[in-house]
Amino acid sequence: MNICVYCSSSELIDPSFVLLAAEVGAELARRGHTLVSGGGSVSCMGAVARAARAGGAHTIGVIPEALLAMEVGDTDSDELIVTATMRERKAIMDDRADGFLALPGGLGTLEELFEIWVAALLGLHDKPVVVLESEGVFTHLRLLVDDLVGRGFVRPLARDTLIWATSITEALDFVEAGAARGSRRLPAAPAGSAEAVEGE
């Protein structure tokens, strides 16, 4: 299967996160999967792709032309797709993936995660969306979402559509199994109902 990994391109982060990304790439390859990534060669983005290729995995990188210099395009990728816009990048990554795994990251990672999560809530896809928590990076995010549920902005089932994992093995197991998607997907809302966007 094709697994899209969202992760950091920052070179200011602790090296432990780069190592985590490399371990994800290695395990992904060991399980015989293809990697879909943001097409950069720096930090976690580069580490996950290099490790996946080292393990024999096929890698697909998708990067906007404007970010080629900033994120340094992964020219060793088996497929490096250069897009005109960020929206086109994400659309191709979404289309090429059978499941999504978010590693610790910054605003770009969060933006990608939220977009694919909300798309699942709206019934636009039925692919698993998994977050690998490490060193408490996303603790405040989880607390924020829980608070939004408590205040009525987010339905509990919408919150629960996102699957959290605490180890690489668990994360990839969830992706492979589809995270029991049949019981976790948000029911379709009636046409024109405000409920259709309630999960946002």
Protein backbone atom coordinates (compact mmCIF):
# COMPACT_ATOMS: atom_id res chain seq x y z
CA MET A 1 0.00 0.00 0.00
CA ASN A 2 1.01 3.64 -0.41
CA ILE A 3 1.47 5.45 2.90
CA CYS A 4 1.66 9.24 2.99
CA VAL A 5 3.88 10.51 5.79
CA TYR A 6 3.55 14.11 6.97
CA CYS A 7 6.60 15.35 8.85
CA SER A 8 8.95 18.25 9.51
CA SER A 9 11.40 19.89 7.13
CA SER A 10 12.87 22.06 9.92
CA GLU A 11 16.57 21.69 10.60
CA LEU A 12 16.24 23.31 14.03
CA ILE A 13 14.54 20.36 15.72
CA ASP A 14 16.09 17.82 18.07
CA PRO A 15 17.89 15.05 16.13
CA SER A 16 15.75 12.45 17.90
CA PHE A 17 12.83 13.41 15.65
CA VAL A 18 14.93 12.93 12.53
CA LEU A 19 15.91 9.50 13.84
CA LEU A 20 12.24 8.71 14.47
CA ALA A 21 11.43 9.59 10.86
CA ALA A 22 14.23 7.33 9.63
CA GLU A 23 12.89 4.48 11.74
CA VAL A 24 9.43 5.00 10.26
CA GLY A 25 10.88 4.85 6.75
CA ALA A 26 12.80 1.67 7.54
CA GLU A 27 9.76 -0.06 9.05
CA LEU A 28 7.55 1.08 6.18
CA ALA A 29 10.00 -0.54 3.76
CA ARG A 30 10.28 -3.70 5.86
CA ARG A 31 6.52 -4.11 5.56
CA GLY A 32 6.68 -3.72 1.78
CA HIS A 33 4.93 -0.36 1.45
CA THR A 34 5.49 2.64 -0.82
CA LEU A 35 6.23 6.04 0.72
CA VAL A 36 4.42 9.18 -0.39
CA SER A 37 6.05 12.31 1.02
CA GLY A 38 6.46 16.03 0.54
CA GLY A 39 9.45 15.54 -1.74
CA GLY A 40 12.04 17.36 0.38
CA SER A 41 15.47 16.00 1.28
CA VAL A 42 16.08 17.85 4.55
CA SER A 43 15.30 17.00 8.17
CA CYS A 44 12.57 14.41 8.81
CA MET A 45 11.26 14.59 5.26
CA GLY A 46 14.61 13.54 3.86
CA ALA A 47 15.29 10.98 6.59
CA VAL A 48 12.06 9.04 6.09
CA ALA A 49 12.60 8.88 2.32
CA ARG A 50 16.27 7.84 2.49
CA ALA A 51 15.54 5.13 5.04
CA ALA A 52 12.60 3.83 3.01
CA ARG A 53 14.74 3.58 -0.13
CA ALA A 54 17.57 1.96 1.79
CA GLY A 55 15.11 -0.73 2.80
CA GLY A 56 13.98 -1.24 -0.79
CA ALA A 57 10.78 0.81 -0.75
CA HIS A 58 9.52 2.82 -3.70
CA THR A 59 9.34 6.53 -2.85
CA ILE A 60 7.09 9.20 -4.33
CA GLY A 61 7.93 12.81 -3.54
CA VAL A 62 5.60 15.70 -4.34
CA ILE A 63 6.94 19.24 -3.98
CA PRO A 64 5.84 22.68 -5.21
CA GLU A 65 8.27 24.49 -7.47
CA ALA A 66 8.44 27.39 -4.99
CA LEU A 67 9.74 25.08 -2.25
CA LEU A 68 12.38 23.26 -4.28
CA ALA A 69 15.13 25.48 -2.91
CA MET A 70 13.74 25.80 0.63
CA GLU A 71 13.10 22.10 1.25
CA VAL A 72 15.77 20.92 -1.21
CA GLY A 73 14.05 18.55 -3.63
CA ASP A 74 14.60 14.83 -3.06
CA THR A 75 16.20 14.14 -6.43
CA ASP A 76 16.88 10.53 -5.41
CA SER A 77 13.16 9.87 -5.15
CA ASP A 78 11.87 7.14 -7.47
CA GLU A 79 9.20 9.62 -8.54
CA LEU A 80 9.70 13.33 -7.87
CA ILE A 81 6.63 15.29 -8.90
CA VAL A 82 7.06 19.06 -9.05
CA THR A 83 3.79 20.98 -8.82
CA ALA A 84 2.82 24.57 -9.53
CA THR A 85 1.04 25.12 -6.21
CA MET A 86 0.78 23.79 -2.67
CA ARG A 87 -2.85 22.83 -3.28
CA GLU A 88 -1.83 20.71 -6.24
CA ARG A 89 0.88 19.10 -4.12
CA LYS A 90 -1.57 18.06 -1.43
CA ALA A 91 -4.14 16.84 -3.94
CA ILE A 92 -1.59 14.52 -5.56
CA MET A 93 -0.34 13.26 -2.19
CA ASP A 94 -3.93 12.58 -1.10
CA ASP A 95 -4.74 10.80 -4.35
CA ARG A 96 -1.63 8.61 -4.34
CA ALA A 97 -2.03 7.52 -0.70
CA ASP A 98 -4.00 4.66 0.83
CA GLY A 99 -3.45 5.96 4.34
CA PHE A 100 -1.88 8.86 6.22
CA LEU A 101 0.62 9.03 9.07
CA ALA A 102 1.58 12.31 10.75
CA LEU A 103 4.85 12.53 12.65
CA PRO A 104 5.80 15.40 14.98
CA GLY A 105 6.00 18.59 12.95
CA GLY A 106 5.18 22.26 12.70
CA LEU A 107 2.53 24.36 11.01
CA GLY A 108 2.89 22.66 7.62
CA THR A 109 2.43 19.23 9.17
CA LEU A 110 -0.57 20.43 11.17
CA GLU A 111 -2.12 22.05 8.11
CA GLU A 112 -1.81 18.82 6.13
CA LEU A 113 -3.11 16.76 9.04
CA PHE A 114 -6.16 18.95 9.64
CA GLU A 115 -7.08 19.08 5.97
CA ILE A 116 -7.03 15.31 5.50
CA TRP A 117 -8.75 14.76 8.87
CA VAL A 118 -11.62 17.12 8.01
CA ALA A 119 -11.91 15.49 4.57
CA ALA A 120 -12.46 12.16 6.34
CA LEU A 121 -15.11 13.74 8.57
CA LEU A 122 -16.95 15.03 5.53
CA GLY A 123 -16.91 11.62 3.89
CA LEU A 124 -14.58 12.72 1.09
CA HIS A 125 -12.36 9.69 1.71
CA ASP A 126 -12.33 6.61 3.93
CA LYS A 127 -8.57 6.30 4.39
CA PRO A 128 -7.06 5.96 7.88
CA VAL A 129 -5.48 9.06 9.42
CA VAL A 130 -3.00 8.27 12.20
CA VAL A 131 -0.80 10.48 14.38
CA LEU A 132 2.41 9.14 15.91
CA GLU A 133 2.85 10.98 19.19
CA SER A 134 6.41 11.37 20.44
CA GLU A 135 7.85 13.26 23.39
CA GLY A 136 4.57 15.06 24.03
CA VAL A 137 4.73 17.20 20.89
CA PHE A 138 0.98 16.98 20.28
CA THR A 139 -0.18 16.92 23.92
CA HIS A 140 -1.61 20.44 23.76
CA LEU A 141 -3.34 19.68 20.46
CA ARG A 142 -5.14 16.74 22.01
CA LEU A 143 -6.14 18.88 24.99
CA LEU A 144 -7.38 21.63 22.68
CA VAL A 145 -9.53 19.23 20.68
CA ASP A 146 -10.92 17.71 23.89
CA ASP A 147 -11.80 21.22 25.08
CA LEU A 148 -13.52 21.98 21.77
CA VAL A 149 -15.55 18.80 22.19
CA GLY A 150 -16.51 19.87 25.71
CA ARG A 151 -17.65 23.25 24.39
CA GLY A 152 -19.71 21.71 21.61
CA PHE A 153 -17.61 22.90 18.68
CA VAL A 154 -16.50 19.37 17.76
CA ARG A 155 -18.49 16.17 18.02
CA PRO A 156 -16.85 13.32 19.97
CA LEU A 157 -17.05 11.01 16.94
CA ALA A 158 -15.23 13.63 14.88
CA ARG A 159 -12.44 13.75 17.45
CA ASP A 160 -12.28 9.98 17.55
CA THR A 161 -11.90 9.69 13.77
CA LEU A 162 -8.25 10.70 14.24
CA ILE A 163 -6.25 7.74 15.54
CA TRP A 164 -3.34 8.24 17.94
CA ALA A 165 -0.38 5.87 18.23
CA THR A 166 2.56 5.83 20.63
CA SER A 167 4.95 3.61 18.69
CA ILE A 168 5.97 3.07 15.09
CA THR A 169 4.67 -0.48 15.15
CA GLU A 170 1.30 0.59 16.50
CA ALA A 171 1.04 3.48 14.03
CA LEU A 172 1.69 1.33 10.97
CA ASP A 173 -0.56 -1.43 12.31
CA PHE A 174 -3.37 1.13 12.49
CA VAL A 175 -2.72 2.35 8.96
CA GLU A 176 -2.59 -1.19 7.59
CA ALA A 177 -5.81 -2.18 9.32
CA GLY A 178 -7.59 0.97 8.20
CA ALA A 179 -7.96 1.79 11.92
CA ALA A 180 -11.29 -0.04 12.06
CA ARG A 181 -12.57 2.65 9.72
CA GLY A 182 -16.08 1.24 9.49
CA SER A 183 -16.80 1.96 13.16
CA ARG A 184 -14.88 5.23 13.36
CA ARG A 185 -16.14 7.12 10.31
CA LEU A 186 -18.45 10.03 10.88
CA PRO A 187 -22.01 9.36 9.64
CA ALA A 188 -22.91 11.33 6.53
CA ALA A 189 -24.89 14.48 7.32
CA PRO A 190 -28.11 15.34 5.51
CA ALA A 191 -27.65 17.54 2.46
CA GLY A 192 -27.58 21.22 3.37
CA SER A 193 -27.32 20.47 7.07
CA ALA A 194 -25.02 22.50 9.31
CA GLU A 195 -23.93 19.16 10.68
CA ALA A 196 -21.98 18.62 7.48
CA VAL A 197 -19.25 20.94 8.74
CA GLU A 198 -19.78 20.55 12.47
CA GLY A 199 -16.62 18.45 12.77
CA GLU A 200 -14.44 21.30 11.58
